[in-house]
Amino acid sequence: MTIREALLRARRRPRHLGAGSPTIYRGDGYEFVELRAYVAGDDVRRIDWAATARSGE
């Protein structure tokens, strides 16, 4: 592999994670804060279904 190929490959997919760092994963940018009961109007895409099942509610 040439240096040029290595540089192109390195630019292709950032893989590190951290605050404000680029990543290959898409998301809405929310961090987990707490597990709470559903309230009418909550976005169902943000429900952690596995955690809800474990809680038994």
C-alpha atoms as a PDB file:
ATOM      1  CA  MET A   1       0.000   0.000   0.000  1.00  0.00           C
ATOM      2  CA  THR A   2       1.347   3.413  -0.942  1.00  0.00           C
ATOM      3  CA  ILE A   3       1.235   6.467   1.277  1.00  0.00           C
ATOM      4  CA  ARG A   4      -1.415   7.986  -0.996  1.00  0.00           C
ATOM      5  CA  GLU A   5      -3.626   4.888  -0.648  1.00  0.00           C
ATOM      6  CA  ALA A   6      -3.196   4.935   3.135  1.00  0.00           C
ATOM      7  CA  LEU A   7      -4.200   8.602   3.318  1.00  0.00           C
ATOM      8  CA  LEU A   8      -7.258   8.029   1.140  1.00  0.00           C
ATOM      9  CA  ARG A   9      -8.314   5.057   3.255  1.00  0.00           C
ATOM     10  CA  ALA A  10      -7.824   7.030   6.487  1.00  0.00           C
ATOM     11  CA  ARG A  11     -10.098   9.828   5.227  1.00  0.00           C
ATOM     12  CA  ARG A  12     -12.814   7.456   4.079  1.00  0.00           C
ATOM     13  CA  ARG A  13     -14.366   6.343   7.394  1.00  0.00           C
ATOM     14  CA  PRO A  14     -13.671   7.993  10.719  1.00  0.00           C
ATOM     15  CA  ARG A  15     -14.123   5.353  13.407  1.00  0.00           C
ATOM     16  CA  HIS A  16     -13.368   7.090  16.670  1.00  0.00           C
ATOM     17  CA  LEU A  17     -16.154   8.097  19.021  1.00  0.00           C
ATOM     18  CA  GLY A  18     -16.298  11.004  21.407  1.00  0.00           C
ATOM     19  CA  ALA A  19     -17.976  14.310  21.995  1.00  0.00           C
ATOM     20  CA  GLY A  20     -18.137  16.132  18.696  1.00  0.00           C
ATOM     21  CA  SER A  21     -16.035  13.544  16.906  1.00  0.00           C
ATOM     22  CA  PRO A  22     -17.097  12.153  13.541  1.00  0.00           C
ATOM     23  CA  THR A  23     -18.399   8.601  13.431  1.00  0.00           C
ATOM     24  CA  ILE A  24     -19.860   6.147  10.925  1.00  0.00           C
ATOM     25  CA  TYR A  25     -22.947   5.763  13.113  1.00  0.00           C
ATOM     26  CA  ARG A  26     -26.006   7.944  12.616  1.00  0.00           C
ATOM     27  CA  GLY A  27     -28.132   9.142  15.460  1.00  0.00           C
ATOM     28  CA  ASP A  28     -30.015  12.066  16.857  1.00  0.00           C
ATOM     29  CA  GLY A  29     -27.235  13.108  19.239  1.00  0.00           C
ATOM     30  CA  TYR A  30     -29.063  12.380  22.488  1.00  0.00           C
ATOM     31  CA  GLU A  31     -27.281  10.782  25.415  1.00  0.00           C
ATOM     32  CA  PHE A  32     -28.916   8.461  27.941  1.00  0.00           C
ATOM     33  CA  VAL A  33     -29.964  10.326  31.056  1.00  0.00           C
ATOM     34  CA  GLU A  34     -32.642   8.262  32.780  1.00  0.00           C
ATOM     35  CA  LEU A  35     -35.264   5.584  32.284  1.00  0.00           C
ATOM     36  CA  ARG A  36     -38.705   7.032  32.841  1.00  0.00           C
ATOM     37  CA  ALA A  37     -42.304   6.218  32.050  1.00  0.00           C
ATOM     38  CA  TYR A  38     -43.702   7.090  28.635  1.00  0.00           C
ATOM     39  CA  VAL A  39     -45.479  10.440  28.470  1.00  0.00           C
ATOM     40  CA  ALA A  40     -47.962  11.232  25.694  1.00  0.00           C
ATOM     41  CA  GLY A  41     -46.099  13.110  22.995  1.00  0.00           C
ATOM     42  CA  ASP A  42     -42.735  11.361  23.540  1.00  0.00           C
ATOM     43  CA  ASP A  43     -40.964  10.324  20.347  1.00  0.00           C
ATOM     44  CA  VAL A  44     -41.400   6.521  20.157  1.00  0.00           C
ATOM     45  CA  ARG A  45     -38.093   6.272  18.268  1.00  0.00           C
ATOM     46  CA  ARG A  46     -36.313   7.255  21.479  1.00  0.00           C
ATOM     47  CA  ILE A  47     -37.820   4.469  23.600  1.00  0.00           C
ATOM     48  CA  ASP A  48     -35.277   1.884  24.744  1.00  0.00           C
ATOM     49  CA  TRP A  49     -37.489  -1.161  24.261  1.00  0.00           C
ATOM     50  CA  ALA A  50     -35.022  -3.603  25.841  1.00  0.00           C
ATOM     51  CA  ALA A  51     -34.694  -1.507  29.008  1.00  0.00           C
ATOM     52  CA  THR A  52     -38.471  -1.093  29.145  1.00  0.00           C
ATOM     53  CA  ALA A  53     -38.929  -4.870  28.903  1.00  0.00           C
ATOM     54  CA  ARG A  54     -36.395  -5.442  31.704  1.00  0.00           C
ATOM     55  CA  SER A  55     -38.202  -2.982  33.965  1.00  0.00           C
ATOM     56  CA  GLY A  56     -41.421  -5.004  33.697  1.00  0.00           C
ATOM     57  CA  GLU A  57     -43.615  -1.987  32.970  1.00  0.00           C
END
